[in-house]
Amino acid sequence: MWYKLISSAQEEGWLPQGTVCPPESELNGFKNDYKPDYPDSKMVTAEDAKNWAAALKNVRRKMQTDEKSYQVKGPILFREADAEPGAGIFLPNFTIQIVDDFISYISKGEFFFWWDD
């Protein structure tokens, strides 16, 4: 869902500013992208979050008339080398409720994210 929230907003004109490295992060090769990473957390600024939310509101409006066009095609297959029992498969469901919940969250301002298994 994370990448669908990003790509859908970009299709509506959101220009990501890039993430910021929080002071408590390790700075081990920090990249200012939106890909969750380990061990460092990343921060989305309040301005970037506001712009992202505005673009997602446009996505939401369009989903009301054509929700199926926003569905993730697939199933998605993923594998982590250390994962047991191994490969996983799932078919994500990108819904208006997911968009609404994310808009509500990011409208509060800056936020942090990071990789977690």
N, C-alpha and C. Protein backbone atom coordinates (compact mmCIF):
# COMPACT_ATOMS: atom_id res chain seq x y z
N MET A 1 0.81 -1.19 0.00
CA MET A 1 0.00 0.00 0.00
C MET A 1 0.86 1.26 0.00
N TRP A 2 2.00 1.20 0.70
CA TRP A 2 2.90 2.35 0.81
C TRP A 2 3.25 2.89 -0.57
N TYR A 3 3.70 2.03 -1.45
CA TYR A 3 4.13 2.48 -2.77
C TYR A 3 2.95 2.92 -3.64
N LYS A 4 1.79 2.34 -3.44
CA LYS A 4 0.60 2.76 -4.17
C LYS A 4 0.16 4.15 -3.71
N LEU A 5 0.28 4.44 -2.41
CA LEU A 5 -0.04 5.77 -1.90
C LEU A 5 0.92 6.82 -2.46
N ILE A 6 2.15 6.43 -2.66
CA ILE A 6 3.14 7.33 -3.25
C ILE A 6 2.86 7.55 -4.74
N SER A 7 2.76 6.46 -5.49
CA SER A 7 2.61 6.60 -6.95
C SER A 7 1.29 7.26 -7.33
N SER A 8 0.21 6.95 -6.62
CA SER A 8 -1.08 7.56 -6.93
C SER A 8 -1.04 9.07 -6.70
N ALA A 9 -0.40 9.49 -5.61
CA ALA A 9 -0.28 10.92 -5.33
C ALA A 9 0.59 11.62 -6.38
N GLN A 10 1.65 10.95 -6.81
CA GLN A 10 2.51 11.54 -7.84
C GLN A 10 1.75 11.71 -9.16
N GLU A 11 0.88 10.77 -9.47
CA GLU A 11 0.07 10.88 -10.68
C GLU A 11 -0.88 12.07 -10.61
N GLU A 12 -1.17 12.53 -9.39
CA GLU A 12 -2.04 13.70 -9.19
C GLU A 12 -1.23 14.98 -8.96
N GLY A 13 0.07 14.94 -9.25
CA GLY A 13 0.88 16.15 -9.21
C GLY A 13 1.73 16.36 -7.97
N TRP A 14 1.69 15.42 -7.00
CA TRP A 14 2.54 15.56 -5.82
C TRP A 14 4.00 15.40 -6.23
N LEU A 15 4.83 16.36 -5.86
CA LEU A 15 6.26 16.30 -6.12
C LEU A 15 6.96 16.08 -4.79
N PRO A 16 7.33 14.83 -4.48
CA PRO A 16 7.95 14.54 -3.19
C PRO A 16 9.22 15.37 -2.98
N GLN A 17 9.33 15.93 -1.79
CA GLN A 17 10.50 16.74 -1.45
C GLN A 17 11.69 15.89 -1.03
N GLY A 18 11.44 14.65 -0.72
CA GLY A 18 12.48 13.79 -0.19
C GLY A 18 12.42 13.78 1.32
N THR A 19 12.86 12.71 1.90
CA THR A 19 12.80 12.58 3.35
C THR A 19 13.98 13.27 4.01
N VAL A 20 13.83 13.47 5.31
CA VAL A 20 14.85 14.11 6.13
C VAL A 20 15.35 13.08 7.14
N CYS A 21 16.62 13.14 7.44
CA CYS A 21 17.20 12.22 8.41
C CYS A 21 17.00 12.77 9.82
N PRO A 22 16.25 12.07 10.67
CA PRO A 22 16.07 12.52 12.05
C PRO A 22 17.40 12.48 12.81
N PRO A 23 17.55 13.35 13.80
CA PRO A 23 18.82 13.42 14.54
C PRO A 23 19.24 12.10 15.18
N GLU A 24 18.27 11.28 15.60
CA GLU A 24 18.63 10.04 16.29
C GLU A 24 19.04 8.91 15.35
N SER A 25 18.93 9.11 14.05
CA SER A 25 19.28 8.06 13.10
C SER A 25 20.78 7.92 12.98
N GLU A 26 21.17 6.79 12.45
CA GLU A 26 22.59 6.42 12.37
C GLU A 26 23.36 7.15 11.27
N LEU A 27 22.67 7.61 10.25
CA LEU A 27 23.30 8.24 9.08
C LEU A 27 24.23 7.30 8.32
N ASN A 28 23.93 6.02 8.36
CA ASN A 28 24.73 5.03 7.63
C ASN A 28 24.25 4.97 6.18
N GLY A 29 24.72 5.87 5.36
CA GLY A 29 24.31 5.88 3.96
C GLY A 29 22.87 6.30 3.78
N PHE A 30 22.41 7.25 4.58
CA PHE A 30 21.03 7.71 4.51
C PHE A 30 20.68 8.17 3.10
N LYS A 31 19.51 7.73 2.62
CA LYS A 31 19.01 8.15 1.32
C LYS A 31 17.70 8.88 1.55
N ASN A 32 17.53 10.03 0.92
CA ASN A 32 16.34 10.84 1.17
C ASN A 32 15.17 10.42 0.29
N ASP A 33 14.98 9.12 0.13
CA ASP A 33 13.86 8.60 -0.64
C ASP A 33 12.76 8.11 0.30
N TYR A 34 11.75 7.51 -0.25
CA TYR A 34 10.59 7.07 0.53
C TYR A 34 10.59 5.56 0.73
N LYS A 35 11.74 4.94 0.52
CA LYS A 35 11.87 3.50 0.73
C LYS A 35 12.25 3.26 2.19
N PRO A 36 11.43 2.50 2.92
CA PRO A 36 11.81 2.19 4.30
C PRO A 36 13.17 1.51 4.34
N ASP A 37 13.95 1.83 5.34
CA ASP A 37 15.32 1.34 5.41
C ASP A 37 15.65 0.93 6.84
N TYR A 38 16.73 0.21 7.00
CA TYR A 38 17.21 -0.20 8.32
C TYR A 38 18.68 0.14 8.38
N PRO A 39 19.19 0.67 9.47
CA PRO A 39 18.57 0.89 10.77
C PRO A 39 17.97 2.28 10.94
N ASP A 40 18.06 3.11 9.91
CA ASP A 40 17.66 4.51 10.06
C ASP A 40 16.18 4.74 9.83
N SER A 41 15.60 5.62 10.63
CA SER A 41 14.24 6.08 10.35
C SER A 41 14.35 7.26 9.39
N LYS A 42 13.23 7.60 8.78
CA LYS A 42 13.18 8.73 7.86
C LYS A 42 12.00 9.59 8.27
N MET A 43 12.10 10.89 7.97
CA MET A 43 11.04 11.80 8.34
C MET A 43 10.48 12.47 7.08
N VAL A 44 9.16 12.56 7.00
CA VAL A 44 8.48 13.32 5.98
C VAL A 44 8.13 14.66 6.62
N THR A 45 8.52 15.75 6.00
CA THR A 45 8.27 17.07 6.58
C THR A 45 6.77 17.39 6.56
N ALA A 46 6.38 18.35 7.39
CA ALA A 46 4.97 18.76 7.47
C ALA A 46 4.49 19.29 6.12
N GLU A 47 5.31 20.07 5.45
CA GLU A 47 4.92 20.62 4.14
C GLU A 47 4.73 19.51 3.11
N ASP A 48 5.65 18.56 3.08
CA ASP A 48 5.55 17.45 2.14
C ASP A 48 4.31 16.60 2.45
N ALA A 49 4.06 16.37 3.73
CA ALA A 49 2.88 15.59 4.13
C ALA A 49 1.59 16.31 3.71
N LYS A 50 1.56 17.62 3.87
CA LYS A 50 0.39 18.42 3.48
C LYS A 50 0.14 18.31 1.98
N ASN A 51 1.20 18.43 1.19
CA ASN A 51 1.07 18.32 -0.27
C ASN A 51 0.68 16.91 -0.71
N TRP A 52 1.21 15.92 -0.02
CA TRP A 52 0.88 14.52 -0.29
C TRP A 52 -0.61 14.30 -0.02
N ALA A 53 -1.09 14.81 1.11
CA ALA A 53 -2.51 14.67 1.47
C ALA A 53 -3.41 15.34 0.43
N ALA A 54 -3.02 16.52 -0.04
CA ALA A 54 -3.82 17.23 -1.04
C ALA A 54 -3.94 16.41 -2.33
N ALA A 55 -2.84 15.81 -2.75
CA ALA A 55 -2.87 14.98 -3.95
C ALA A 55 -3.73 13.74 -3.73
N LEU A 56 -3.65 13.15 -2.54
CA LEU A 56 -4.46 11.97 -2.26
C LEU A 56 -5.95 12.29 -2.18
N LYS A 57 -6.28 13.52 -1.83
CA LYS A 57 -7.70 13.91 -1.86
C LYS A 57 -8.23 13.87 -3.29
N ASN A 58 -7.39 14.23 -4.26
CA ASN A 58 -7.78 14.10 -5.66
C ASN A 58 -7.92 12.64 -6.06
N VAL A 59 -7.01 11.80 -5.58
CA VAL A 59 -7.09 10.36 -5.83
C VAL A 59 -8.42 9.84 -5.29
N ARG A 60 -8.74 10.24 -4.07
CA ARG A 60 -9.97 9.78 -3.43
C ARG A 60 -11.21 10.15 -4.25
N ARG A 61 -11.25 11.39 -4.72
CA ARG A 61 -12.38 11.83 -5.54
C ARG A 61 -12.54 10.96 -6.79
N LYS A 62 -11.42 10.65 -7.42
CA LYS A 62 -11.47 9.82 -8.62
C LYS A 62 -11.86 8.38 -8.28
N MET A 63 -11.41 7.90 -7.13
CA MET A 63 -11.75 6.53 -6.72
C MET A 63 -13.25 6.38 -6.49
N GLN A 64 -13.92 7.45 -6.13
CA GLN A 64 -15.36 7.37 -5.89
C GLN A 64 -16.12 7.00 -7.15
N THR A 65 -15.59 7.34 -8.31
CA THR A 65 -16.26 7.00 -9.56
C THR A 65 -15.63 5.81 -10.27
N ASP A 66 -14.36 5.51 -9.95
CA ASP A 66 -13.67 4.42 -10.65
C ASP A 66 -12.63 3.77 -9.74
N GLU A 67 -13.08 3.18 -8.65
CA GLU A 67 -12.15 2.59 -7.67
C GLU A 67 -11.32 1.45 -8.27
N LYS A 68 -11.89 0.69 -9.19
CA LYS A 68 -11.19 -0.46 -9.76
C LYS A 68 -9.92 -0.08 -10.50
N SER A 69 -9.89 1.10 -11.09
CA SER A 69 -8.70 1.50 -11.85
C SER A 69 -7.50 1.76 -10.94
N TYR A 70 -7.74 1.91 -9.64
CA TYR A 70 -6.65 2.15 -8.70
C TYR A 70 -6.15 0.88 -8.02
N GLN A 71 -6.73 -0.24 -8.34
CA GLN A 71 -6.32 -1.46 -7.67
C GLN A 71 -4.90 -1.86 -8.09
N VAL A 72 -4.20 -2.45 -7.15
CA VAL A 72 -2.87 -2.96 -7.43
C VAL A 72 -3.04 -4.21 -8.28
N LYS A 73 -2.35 -4.24 -9.39
CA LYS A 73 -2.44 -5.41 -10.26
C LYS A 73 -1.53 -6.49 -9.69
N GLY A 74 -2.04 -7.65 -9.72
CA GLY A 74 -1.08 -8.60 -9.20
C GLY A 74 -1.72 -9.75 -8.56
N PRO A 75 -1.28 -10.79 -8.09
CA PRO A 75 -0.74 -10.77 -6.74
C PRO A 75 0.72 -10.35 -6.73
N ILE A 76 1.16 -9.97 -5.56
CA ILE A 76 2.55 -9.58 -5.38
C ILE A 76 3.27 -10.72 -4.68
N LEU A 77 4.39 -11.10 -5.22
CA LEU A 77 5.21 -12.15 -4.63
C LEU A 77 6.43 -11.49 -4.00
N PHE A 78 6.73 -11.85 -2.77
CA PHE A 78 7.91 -11.29 -2.14
C PHE A 78 8.65 -12.37 -1.39
N ARG A 79 9.94 -12.18 -1.21
CA ARG A 79 10.77 -13.15 -0.49
C ARG A 79 11.87 -12.40 0.21
N GLU A 80 12.01 -12.69 1.50
CA GLU A 80 13.14 -12.17 2.26
C GLU A 80 14.04 -13.34 2.57
N ALA A 81 15.33 -13.17 2.37
CA ALA A 81 16.28 -14.27 2.53
C ALA A 81 16.17 -14.93 3.91
N ASP A 82 15.90 -14.15 4.94
CA ASP A 82 15.84 -14.70 6.29
C ASP A 82 14.46 -15.16 6.71
N ALA A 83 13.45 -14.91 5.87
CA ALA A 83 12.07 -15.20 6.26
C ALA A 83 11.80 -16.70 6.28
N GLU A 84 11.04 -17.12 7.23
CA GLU A 84 10.56 -18.49 7.30
C GLU A 84 9.05 -18.42 7.25
N PRO A 85 8.38 -19.18 6.49
CA PRO A 85 8.87 -20.31 5.72
C PRO A 85 9.40 -19.93 4.35
N GLY A 86 9.49 -18.65 4.03
CA GLY A 86 10.04 -18.26 2.73
C GLY A 86 9.14 -17.28 2.03
N ALA A 87 8.88 -17.59 0.78
CA ALA A 87 8.12 -16.66 -0.06
C ALA A 87 6.70 -16.48 0.47
N GLY A 88 6.17 -15.29 0.29
CA GLY A 88 4.78 -15.01 0.64
C GLY A 88 4.09 -14.44 -0.58
N ILE A 89 2.79 -14.56 -0.60
CA ILE A 89 2.04 -14.03 -1.72
C ILE A 89 0.77 -13.37 -1.17
N PHE A 90 0.41 -12.23 -1.71
CA PHE A 90 -0.81 -11.58 -1.27
C PHE A 90 -1.35 -10.69 -2.38
N LEU A 91 -2.62 -10.41 -2.31
CA LEU A 91 -3.26 -9.53 -3.26
C LEU A 91 -3.77 -8.32 -2.49
N PRO A 92 -3.05 -7.21 -2.57
CA PRO A 92 -3.45 -6.03 -1.80
C PRO A 92 -4.74 -5.43 -2.33
N ASN A 93 -5.47 -4.81 -1.45
CA ASN A 93 -6.72 -4.18 -1.79
C ASN A 93 -6.62 -2.70 -1.45
N PHE A 94 -6.50 -1.86 -2.46
CA PHE A 94 -6.35 -0.42 -2.30
C PHE A 94 -7.75 0.20 -2.30
N THR A 95 -8.20 0.66 -1.14
CA THR A 95 -9.57 1.13 -1.00
C THR A 95 -9.62 2.60 -0.61
N ILE A 96 -10.81 3.17 -0.75
CA ILE A 96 -11.03 4.55 -0.31
C ILE A 96 -10.75 4.67 1.19
N GLN A 97 -11.09 3.64 1.96
CA GLN A 97 -10.85 3.68 3.40
C GLN A 97 -9.36 3.77 3.71
N ILE A 98 -8.54 3.06 2.98
CA ILE A 98 -7.08 3.15 3.18
C ILE A 98 -6.60 4.57 2.87
N VAL A 99 -7.07 5.13 1.78
CA VAL A 99 -6.69 6.50 1.40
C VAL A 99 -7.17 7.48 2.47
N ASP A 100 -8.40 7.34 2.92
CA ASP A 100 -8.93 8.22 3.96
C ASP A 100 -8.10 8.15 5.24
N ASP A 101 -7.77 6.94 5.66
CA ASP A 101 -6.99 6.77 6.89
C ASP A 101 -5.61 7.39 6.76
N PHE A 102 -4.99 7.22 5.60
CA PHE A 102 -3.65 7.77 5.41
C PHE A 102 -3.70 9.30 5.33
N ILE A 103 -4.70 9.83 4.63
CA ILE A 103 -4.86 11.29 4.58
C ILE A 103 -5.02 11.85 5.98
N SER A 104 -5.84 11.20 6.78
CA SER A 104 -6.06 11.65 8.16
C SER A 104 -4.75 11.65 8.95
N TYR A 105 -3.96 10.61 8.77
CA TYR A 105 -2.69 10.49 9.49
C TYR A 105 -1.69 11.56 9.06
N ILE A 106 -1.46 11.71 7.75
CA ILE A 106 -0.42 12.62 7.30
C ILE A 106 -0.85 14.08 7.39
N SER A 107 -2.13 14.33 7.51
CA SER A 107 -2.61 15.70 7.67
C SER A 107 -2.24 16.29 9.02
N LYS A 108 -1.78 15.45 9.92
CA LYS A 108 -1.38 15.92 11.25
C LYS A 108 0.01 16.56 11.24
N GLY A 109 0.75 16.40 10.15
CA GLY A 109 2.08 17.03 10.05
C GLY A 109 3.18 16.03 9.80
N GLU A 110 4.38 16.43 10.19
CA GLU A 110 5.55 15.57 9.93
C GLU A 110 5.35 14.21 10.59
N PHE A 111 5.97 13.20 9.96
CA PHE A 111 5.92 11.86 10.54
C PHE A 111 7.17 11.08 10.16
N PHE A 112 7.42 10.05 10.93
CA PHE A 112 8.59 9.20 10.74
C PHE A 112 8.15 7.83 10.25
N PHE A 113 9.01 7.18 9.50
CA PHE A 113 8.78 5.79 9.12
C PHE A 113 10.13 5.09 9.03
N TRP A 114 10.12 3.77 9.08
CA TRP A 114 11.33 2.98 8.97
C TRP A 114 10.97 1.55 8.65
N TRP A 115 11.96 0.80 8.30
CA TRP A 115 11.78 -0.63 7.99
C TRP A 115 11.60 -1.38 9.30
N ASP A 116 10.69 -2.32 9.29
CA ASP A 116 10.48 -3.17 10.45
C ASP A 116 9.94 -4.50 9.94
N ASP A 117 10.50 -5.55 10.42
CA ASP A 117 10.00 -6.85 9.99
C ASP A 117 9.15 -7.43 11.10
